[in-house]
Protein backbone atom coordinates (compact mmCIF):
# COMPACT_ATOMS: atom_id res chain seq x y z
CA MET A 1 9.62 -29.13 30.00
CA TYR A 2 9.38 -26.41 27.73
CA GLU A 3 12.47 -26.72 25.42
CA SER A 4 9.91 -30.21 25.04
CA LEU A 5 6.78 -27.75 24.40
CA ARG A 6 8.31 -25.06 22.90
CA SER A 7 9.74 -28.16 19.55
CA ARG A 8 6.37 -29.36 19.29
CA VAL A 9 4.45 -25.47 19.22
CA ILE A 10 6.54 -24.14 16.77
CA PRO A 11 7.86 -24.61 13.07
CA ARG A 12 11.15 -25.07 11.94
CA LEU A 13 12.53 -21.56 9.99
CA ARG A 14 14.38 -21.07 6.99
CA TYR A 15 18.50 -20.90 7.55
CA THR A 16 18.25 -16.83 7.37
CA GLN A 17 15.41 -17.14 9.67
CA ARG A 18 17.04 -18.83 12.31
CA ILE A 19 20.18 -16.82 11.44
CA ILE A 20 18.18 -13.81 12.55
CA ALA A 21 16.18 -15.15 15.33
CA ALA A 22 19.59 -17.24 17.03
CA HIS A 23 21.51 -13.46 17.39
CA PRO A 24 22.82 -12.42 19.88
CA ALA A 25 22.07 -8.73 19.25
CA ARG A 26 18.94 -6.98 21.79
CA PHE A 27 17.32 -5.04 19.29
CA LYS A 28 16.89 -6.87 15.98
CA VAL A 29 15.80 -4.96 12.37
CA VAL A 30 14.73 -6.81 9.20
CA ALA A 31 13.72 -5.28 6.32
CA CYS A 32 12.72 -7.43 3.80
CA GLY A 33 10.39 -7.69 0.26
CA ARG A 34 6.59 -8.89 0.12
CA ARG A 35 5.79 -12.31 1.59
CA TRP A 36 9.66 -12.61 3.03
CA GLY A 37 8.21 -14.49 5.46
CA LYS A 38 8.21 -12.04 8.31
CA THR A 39 5.61 -12.31 10.07
CA THR A 40 6.36 -15.88 10.53
CA LEU A 41 9.75 -15.14 12.63
CA GLY A 42 8.42 -12.41 14.60
CA MET A 43 5.12 -15.17 15.26
CA THR A 44 7.95 -18.10 15.86
CA MET A 45 10.14 -15.59 18.06
CA ALA A 46 7.39 -13.99 20.32
CA VAL A 47 5.95 -17.97 21.25
CA TYR A 48 9.17 -18.73 22.12
CA ARG A 49 10.07 -16.49 24.31
CA ALA A 50 6.26 -16.54 25.78
CA LEU A 51 6.71 -20.54 26.17
CA GLY A 52 10.37 -19.45 27.87
CA GLY A 53 8.16 -18.09 30.72
CA GLN A 54 8.49 -14.03 29.46
CA ARG A 55 6.15 -11.60 29.01
CA VAL A 56 6.13 -10.75 25.42
CA TRP A 57 3.79 -7.95 23.06
CA TRP A 58 3.83 -8.20 19.59
CA VAL A 59 2.54 -4.51 18.49
CA ALA A 60 0.89 -3.81 14.65
CA PRO A 61 0.06 -0.48 13.02
CA THR A 62 -4.11 -1.46 13.09
CA TYR A 63 -6.25 -3.54 14.06
CA LEU A 64 -6.72 -6.06 11.25
CA MET A 65 -3.24 -6.19 10.59
CA ALA A 66 -3.10 -7.30 14.10
CA LEU A 67 -5.91 -9.67 14.00
CA HIS A 68 -3.91 -12.86 12.51
CA PRO A 69 -1.26 -12.90 14.52
CA TRP A 70 -3.67 -13.03 17.43
CA LEU A 71 -5.62 -15.83 15.97
CA THR A 72 -2.20 -17.60 14.99
CA PHE A 73 -1.42 -17.36 18.97
CA LYS A 74 -4.47 -18.92 20.29
CA ARG A 75 -3.95 -21.58 17.33
CA ARG A 76 -0.93 -22.72 18.34
CA LEU A 77 -1.03 -21.89 22.45
CA ALA A 78 -4.43 -24.01 22.22
CA ASP A 79 -2.97 -26.59 24.70
CA GLU A 80 -1.23 -24.14 27.02
CA TRP A 81 -3.47 -21.32 28.10
CA VAL A 82 -4.13 -20.65 31.48
CA SER A 83 -6.45 -18.07 30.87
CA LYS A 84 -7.02 -15.67 27.54
CA THR A 85 -8.81 -12.81 27.27
CA GLU A 86 -10.78 -11.94 24.07
CA TYR A 87 -11.25 -8.33 24.54
CA ALA A 88 -7.49 -7.81 25.50
CA ARG A 89 -5.77 -10.56 22.99
CA HIS A 90 -4.09 -11.44 26.41
CA ILE A 91 -2.91 -15.56 27.47
CA GLU A 92 -1.45 -15.98 30.01
CA LEU A 93 0.71 -19.70 30.23
CA GLU A 94 1.52 -22.33 32.50
CA SER A 95 4.90 -21.57 32.10
CA GLY A 96 4.27 -17.85 33.60
CA GLY A 97 5.08 -16.48 30.37
CA SER A 98 2.89 -14.21 28.68
CA LEU A 99 1.88 -12.81 25.00
CA THR A 100 -0.33 -9.65 24.41
CA VAL A 101 -1.18 -8.62 20.95
CA LYS A 102 -1.89 -4.09 20.79
CA THR A 103 -2.18 -2.39 18.27
CA ALA A 104 -0.55 1.55 18.05
CA ASP A 105 -2.50 3.47 16.63
CA ASN A 106 -3.13 4.63 20.58
CA PRO A 107 0.34 4.90 21.77
CA ASP A 108 -1.03 5.64 25.20
CA GLY A 109 -2.60 2.23 25.83
CA LEU A 110 0.93 1.10 25.20
CA ARG A 111 2.44 2.55 28.43
CA GLY A 112 3.58 1.81 31.53
CA VAL A 113 4.18 -2.49 31.42
CA GLY A 114 7.44 -3.85 31.83
CA LEU A 115 8.44 -6.36 29.23
CA ASP A 116 10.61 -9.12 28.45
CA PHE A 117 10.32 -9.14 24.35
CA ILE A 118 8.60 -7.20 21.63
CA VAL A 119 8.53 -7.76 18.14
CA VAL A 120 6.74 -4.46 15.99
CA ASP A 121 5.41 -5.47 12.91
CA GLU A 122 5.16 -3.10 9.94
CA ALA A 123 7.16 -1.06 11.95
CA ALA A 124 8.16 1.85 9.50
CA PHE A 125 4.27 2.42 9.24
CA ILE A 126 3.80 3.08 12.91
CA LEU A 127 4.83 6.66 14.64
CA GLU A 128 7.88 7.42 15.65
CA GLU A 129 6.66 8.36 19.03
CA VAL A 130 5.21 4.84 20.28
CA TRP A 131 8.88 3.02 19.50
CA THR A 132 10.42 5.93 21.74
CA ALA A 133 8.72 7.00 24.07
CA SER A 134 6.10 4.06 24.70
CA LEU A 135 7.88 0.16 23.59
CA ARG A 136 11.34 1.01 23.99
CA PRO A 137 10.73 2.27 28.05
CA ALA A 138 8.71 -0.91 28.70
CA LEU A 139 11.73 -3.31 28.18
CA SER A 140 14.22 -1.37 30.31
CA ASP A 141 13.50 -2.74 33.68
CA ARG A 142 13.52 -5.80 32.79
CA GLN A 143 16.87 -5.63 29.95
CA GLY A 144 14.17 -6.69 27.63
CA SER A 145 14.85 -6.81 23.73
CA ALA A 146 13.09 -6.15 19.97
CA LEU A 147 12.52 -7.12 16.91
CA LEU A 148 11.34 -4.79 14.79
CA ILE A 149 10.71 -6.45 11.07
CA SER A 150 8.74 -4.55 7.89
CA THR A 151 8.63 -3.67 4.77
CA PRO A 152 10.61 -0.65 3.76
CA HIS A 153 7.79 3.10 3.60
CA GLY A 154 10.67 5.42 2.63
CA ARG A 155 13.55 6.45 5.24
CA ASN A 156 11.23 7.43 8.51
CA TRP A 157 12.74 6.63 12.28
CA PHE A 158 12.76 1.95 10.80
CA TYR A 159 15.02 3.21 8.18
CA ARG A 160 17.65 5.26 11.09
CA ALA A 161 16.71 1.93 13.35
CA PHE A 162 18.13 -0.16 10.42
CA GLN A 163 21.66 2.04 9.78
CA ARG A 164 22.07 1.99 13.18
CA GLY A 165 22.09 -2.13 13.65
CA LEU A 166 24.67 -1.89 10.47
CA ASP A 167 26.79 -0.15 12.77
CA PRO A 168 29.51 -1.85 14.17
CA LEU A 169 30.17 0.50 17.28
CA VAL A 170 26.22 -0.51 18.56
CA PRO A 171 26.84 -3.87 19.46
CA ASP A 172 23.64 -3.82 20.87
CA TRP A 173 21.43 -3.90 17.59
CA HIS A 174 22.20 -6.30 14.17
CA SER A 175 19.92 -5.37 11.11
CA TRP A 176 19.84 -7.45 7.93
CA ARG A 177 17.59 -6.56 4.13
CA TYR A 178 16.25 -9.05 2.49
CA PRO A 179 14.40 -9.55 -1.05
CA THR A 180 11.33 -11.20 -1.30
CA LEU A 181 13.28 -13.54 -3.52
CA ASN A 182 15.47 -14.49 -0.68
CA ASN A 183 12.14 -16.65 0.77
CA PRO A 184 12.44 -20.37 -1.26
CA LEU A 185 8.74 -20.97 -1.27
CA ILE A 186 7.60 -18.21 -3.22
CA ARG A 187 8.80 -18.90 -7.66
CA PRO A 188 10.99 -16.58 -9.62
CA GLN A 189 7.95 -16.09 -11.82
CA GLU A 190 5.70 -14.59 -9.55
CA ILE A 191 8.68 -11.54 -8.63
CA GLU A 192 9.25 -11.62 -12.52
CA ASP A 193 5.68 -10.67 -13.42
CA ALA A 194 4.94 -8.11 -10.19
CA ARG A 195 8.31 -6.29 -12.04
CA ALA A 196 6.39 -6.21 -15.28
CA LEU A 197 3.41 -4.95 -13.79
CA LEU A 198 4.39 -2.67 -10.63
CA PRO A 199 5.87 1.03 -11.50
CA GLU A 200 9.83 0.26 -10.39
CA ARG A 201 9.60 2.33 -7.50
CA ILE A 202 6.77 0.08 -6.18
CA PHE A 203 8.98 -2.85 -6.92
CA LYS A 204 12.02 -1.86 -5.08
CA GLN A 205 10.45 -1.06 -2.30
CA GLU A 206 7.57 -4.01 -2.15
CA TYR A 207 9.98 -6.65 -3.27
CA GLU A 208 13.28 -5.93 -2.96
CA ALA A 209 13.22 -3.88 0.10
CA GLU A 210 15.10 -1.04 -0.99
CA PHE A 211 14.98 2.51 1.17
CA LEU A 212 13.65 4.61 -1.46
CA PRO A 213 13.68 8.47 -0.56
CA ASP A 214 10.04 9.02 -0.12
CA GLY A 215 8.23 6.05 0.40
CA GLY A 216 4.62 6.38 -0.60
CA GLU A 217 4.41 9.48 -3.65
CA VAL A 218 3.66 6.84 -6.82
CA PHE A 219 4.04 8.84 -9.80
CA ARG A 220 7.63 10.58 -10.81
CA ARG A 221 9.00 12.34 -13.77
CA VAL A 222 5.17 14.04 -13.42
CA ARG A 223 7.00 17.72 -14.38
CA GLU A 224 8.99 16.10 -16.84
CA ALA A 225 5.83 14.74 -18.73
CA ALA A 226 4.05 18.12 -18.67
CA THR A 227 4.88 19.25 -21.88
CA ALA A 228 1.44 18.79 -23.62
CA PRO A 229 0.97 22.94 -25.46
CA PRO A 230 -2.57 23.96 -23.39
CA ASP A 231 -4.24 25.27 -26.64
CA ALA A 232 -4.22 22.38 -29.04
CA HIS A 233 -6.90 21.86 -31.63
CA PRO A 234 -8.87 18.82 -33.08
CA ILE A 235 -7.11 17.14 -35.72
CA SER A 236 -8.79 15.46 -38.70
CA GLY A 237 -8.06 11.91 -39.09
CA HIS A 238 -6.91 11.58 -34.85
CA ARG A 239 -8.41 9.24 -32.89
CA TYR A 240 -9.88 10.92 -29.58
CA VAL A 241 -10.57 9.50 -26.36
CA MET A 242 -12.15 10.92 -23.14
CA GLY A 243 -12.29 10.00 -19.48
CA VAL A 244 -14.47 10.47 -16.65
CA ASP A 245 -14.26 10.66 -12.97
CA PHE A 246 -17.93 11.54 -11.34
CA GLY A 247 -17.84 13.75 -8.28
CA ARG A 248 -19.06 12.50 -5.07
CA ALA A 249 -20.92 14.94 -2.69
CA HIS A 250 -17.72 17.67 -1.83
CA ASP A 251 -15.58 15.76 -4.34
CA PHE A 252 -14.98 17.42 -8.08
CA THR A 253 -15.64 16.17 -11.45
CA ALA A 254 -13.23 15.71 -14.01
CA LEU A 255 -12.77 15.37 -17.20
CA VAL A 256 -9.50 14.49 -19.51
CA VAL A 257 -9.04 14.13 -23.67
CA ILE A 258 -6.20 12.35 -25.02
CA ASP A 259 -5.16 12.24 -28.27
CA ALA A 260 -3.76 8.69 -29.14
CA ASP A 261 -2.52 9.09 -31.82
CA THR A 262 0.10 11.26 -30.78
CA ARG A 263 -0.63 10.24 -27.00
CA THR A 264 -1.14 13.97 -25.67
CA MET A 265 -3.39 15.12 -23.74
CA VAL A 266 -5.58 18.04 -24.80
CA ALA A 267 -8.37 19.51 -22.98
CA LEU A 268 -9.04 19.14 -18.82
CA ASP A 269 -12.45 20.59 -17.03
CA ARG A 270 -13.15 19.77 -13.69
CA PHE A 271 -15.90 21.32 -11.04
CA ASN A 272 -17.96 20.44 -8.78
CA GLU A 273 -21.36 21.91 -7.32
CA VAL A 274 -23.27 21.36 -10.42
CA ASN A 275 -26.17 19.41 -11.37
CA TRP A 276 -26.04 16.02 -12.34
CA GLY A 277 -27.68 17.39 -15.88
CA LEU A 278 -25.55 20.49 -16.38
CA GLN A 279 -22.39 18.05 -15.73
CA ARG A 280 -23.72 15.56 -18.61
CA ARG A 281 -24.20 18.45 -20.74
CA ARG A 282 -20.67 19.88 -20.46
CA ILE A 283 -19.10 16.26 -20.73
CA ALA A 284 -20.99 15.85 -24.19
CA ALA A 285 -19.79 19.55 -25.18
CA LEU A 286 -16.76 18.53 -24.73
CA ALA A 287 -17.18 15.26 -26.00
CA ARG A 288 -17.89 16.56 -29.47
CA ARG A 289 -15.85 19.26 -29.91
CA TRP A 290 -13.28 16.69 -29.89
CA ARG A 291 -14.71 14.00 -31.44
CA VAL A 292 -13.94 11.64 -28.94
CA SER A 293 -14.56 8.48 -30.23
CA ASP A 294 -14.74 6.34 -26.94
CA ILE A 295 -15.63 7.85 -22.96
CA LEU A 296 -14.20 6.07 -20.28
CA ALA A 297 -16.39 7.05 -16.74
CA GLU A 298 -16.38 5.57 -13.26
CA ALA A 299 -19.70 3.81 -12.47
CA ASN A 300 -19.51 3.86 -8.63
CA ALA A 301 -22.14 5.65 -6.55
CA MET A 302 -23.84 8.32 -8.89
CA GLY A 303 -22.09 6.99 -12.33
CA GLU A 304 -24.38 4.58 -13.66
CA PRO A 305 -27.35 6.62 -13.75
CA ASN A 306 -25.47 9.66 -15.53
CA ILE A 307 -23.48 6.48 -17.40
CA GLU A 308 -27.23 5.56 -19.18
CA ALA A 309 -28.62 9.76 -19.28
CA LEU A 310 -24.83 9.55 -21.59
CA ARG A 311 -25.61 6.91 -23.88
CA ARG A 312 -29.36 7.51 -24.27
CA ALA A 313 -27.99 11.04 -25.63
CA GLY A 314 -26.40 8.81 -28.45
CA LEU A 315 -22.53 8.59 -26.22
CA PRO A 316 -20.30 6.28 -26.61
CA VAL A 317 -20.01 5.96 -22.83
CA ILE A 318 -18.14 2.62 -21.51
CA ALA A 319 -18.66 1.44 -18.17
CA PHE A 320 -15.66 1.74 -15.21
CA THR A 321 -16.29 -0.02 -11.74
CA THR A 322 -13.35 0.67 -9.68
CA THR A 323 -12.45 -2.09 -7.03
CA SER A 324 -9.64 -3.35 -5.04
CA THR A 325 -8.82 -5.83 -8.68
CA SER A 326 -9.76 -2.79 -11.29
CA LYS A 327 -8.57 0.35 -9.68
CA PRO A 328 -4.32 -0.83 -9.34
CA PRO A 329 -4.04 -1.92 -12.92
CA LEU A 330 -5.49 1.54 -14.16
CA ILE A 331 -3.21 3.23 -12.05
CA GLU A 332 -0.13 0.78 -12.87
CA SER A 333 -0.82 1.19 -16.70
CA LEU A 334 -0.56 5.73 -16.31
CA VAL A 335 2.32 5.51 -13.08
CA LEU A 336 4.26 3.89 -16.04
CA ALA A 337 3.48 5.71 -19.00
CA ILE A 338 4.94 9.06 -17.44
CA GLU A 339 7.65 7.43 -15.86
CA ASN A 340 8.37 6.13 -19.66
CA ALA A 341 7.12 9.52 -21.09
CA ASP A 342 4.91 8.15 -23.26
CA LEU A 343 1.94 10.10 -22.44
CA ARG A 344 2.68 14.26 -22.48
CA ILE A 345 0.60 15.66 -19.89
CA LEU A 346 -1.32 19.63 -19.56
CA PRO A 347 0.78 21.68 -17.40
CA ASP A 348 -2.47 22.24 -14.97
CA PRO A 349 -1.04 23.29 -11.39
CA VAL A 350 -4.40 21.25 -9.54
CA LEU A 351 -3.46 17.89 -12.14
CA LEU A 352 0.35 18.29 -11.45
CA ALA A 353 -0.36 18.45 -7.75
CA GLU A 354 -2.70 16.00 -7.31
CA LEU A 355 -0.21 12.99 -9.85
CA GLU A 356 2.67 13.78 -7.12
CA ALA A 357 0.44 13.78 -4.31
CA TYR A 358 -1.04 10.80 -5.05
CA THR A 359 0.04 7.47 -2.72
CA TYR A 360 0.16 4.32 -2.02
CA SER A 361 -0.45 1.65 0.74
CA VAL A 362 -0.31 -2.10 -0.07
CA MET A 363 -2.75 -4.34 2.54
CA PRO A 364 -1.38 -6.39 4.86
CA TYR A 365 -1.36 -10.02 4.65
CA SER A 366 -3.22 -9.41 1.22
CA GLY A 367 -0.38 -8.04 -0.44
CA ARG A 368 -2.86 -6.05 -2.17
CA VAL A 369 -2.28 -2.35 -3.60
CA ARG A 370 -3.75 0.80 -3.18
CA TYR A 371 -3.68 4.05 -4.65
CA GLN A 372 -5.43 6.43 -3.45
CA ALA A 373 -5.66 10.74 -2.65
CA PRO A 374 -3.79 11.26 0.96
CA PRO A 375 -6.25 12.40 3.51
CA GLY A 376 -8.44 15.84 3.12
CA GLN A 377 -7.01 15.73 -0.85
CA HIS A 378 -8.31 14.78 -3.62
CA ASP A 379 -7.74 12.52 -7.28
CA ASP A 380 -10.40 13.71 -9.59
CA THR A 381 -7.94 15.06 -12.34
CA VAL A 382 -5.79 11.82 -11.86
CA ILE A 383 -9.13 8.88 -12.10
CA ALA A 384 -9.61 11.07 -14.97
CA LEU A 385 -6.55 10.33 -16.67
CA ALA A 386 -6.29 7.36 -16.02
CA LEU A 387 -9.46 6.56 -17.40
CA ALA A 388 -8.49 8.21 -20.77
CA TRP A 389 -4.94 6.88 -21.09
CA ARG A 390 -7.09 3.18 -19.71
CA LEU A 391 -8.60 3.69 -23.66
CA ALA A 392 -5.67 5.52 -25.49
CA SER A 393 -3.75 2.51 -24.50
CA THR A 394 -5.87 -0.14 -25.52
CA PRO A 395 -7.79 0.30 -28.42
CA GLY A 396 -11.05 -1.97 -29.60
CA LEU A 397 -12.20 -1.58 -25.81
CA THR A 398 -15.50 -1.85 -25.31
CA LEU A 399 -16.24 -4.15 -22.33
CA ALA A 400 -16.98 -2.97 -18.89
CA VAL A 401 -14.02 -3.78 -16.73
CA ALA A 402 -16.17 -6.42 -14.29
CA GLU A 403 -17.03 -5.53 -10.35
CA ILE A 404 -15.06 -8.22 -8.16
């Protein structure tokens, strides 16, 4: 009965997905590129086990990352459940099996239950203790199994689990690694477009599923790029441009000037707890000193009224609205410039520290890259530098970036 039901409810897997699903290993580790199909594989295996009478958990790093699987499970099993508890995201099936969707942000909430099968989604983004102290013990009394699926994120515990699965002397474990290109539904041109637009490290990690030594860092070769002389002076006939990141509440306002002809950073100013009028005067003074031809300033929050005031004062300010669409290409252009030695930057300790600490994450399911400073740290000099580089590398830029 349930084999017939499984064939109706479960979609057909691709060849490489079927290899993983059919493998006898108790613990399966799958590292793969974005859009390879790991979530489809995991959901299919979870439904198959639950329809067979097993207790199954799906564990994701956050609530938002767990939402899509939960909605999919509800839709796929709509005619098969005996009961459904929405707040607990738990489904009881006629087969005697059950399927529960959990999040890993509260490890204590994952204890005390015996399970037959667990899918750990984006395992590289879950704390190791969630696996070792909560999930792995839950499989012990029922001799349960697990599928760990993720895009790599440095060489953390997921990397060590992957390495364990490569050891032929550990028969309970097996690992697979597939790049995005292995998915025949993804056009090769899409991948080539990503290769052209993304920094090399991010492409290797997110699309080629490579385990890189440090997972979330964005900028490489920062120290090698820090060769700009700190005592530069304006050169007649050169084009100078400025980037401005206005500080909020406890943040800093940062100003960066680049010589567009030599592609060299020539000035940096950074300050906080200064009223807006004085901030604008400092911007104007630096712009006059370097005779800047254009200023690109972030328009978010208090940026817009300050931009209008600077324009009234006669400064050539272009507004840049930072959004989830406009920020990635802004940062990625700067990453490539530093990586390829196209830009020389000042050896300022704050700037170097912010660049080296800058990190990224990939949004679940949309696949969008989100760039940001680590929690509790600043990125004002990074943004100001990226804005200035946008002007220096794009002659004739006169339009504000549209807000999505």
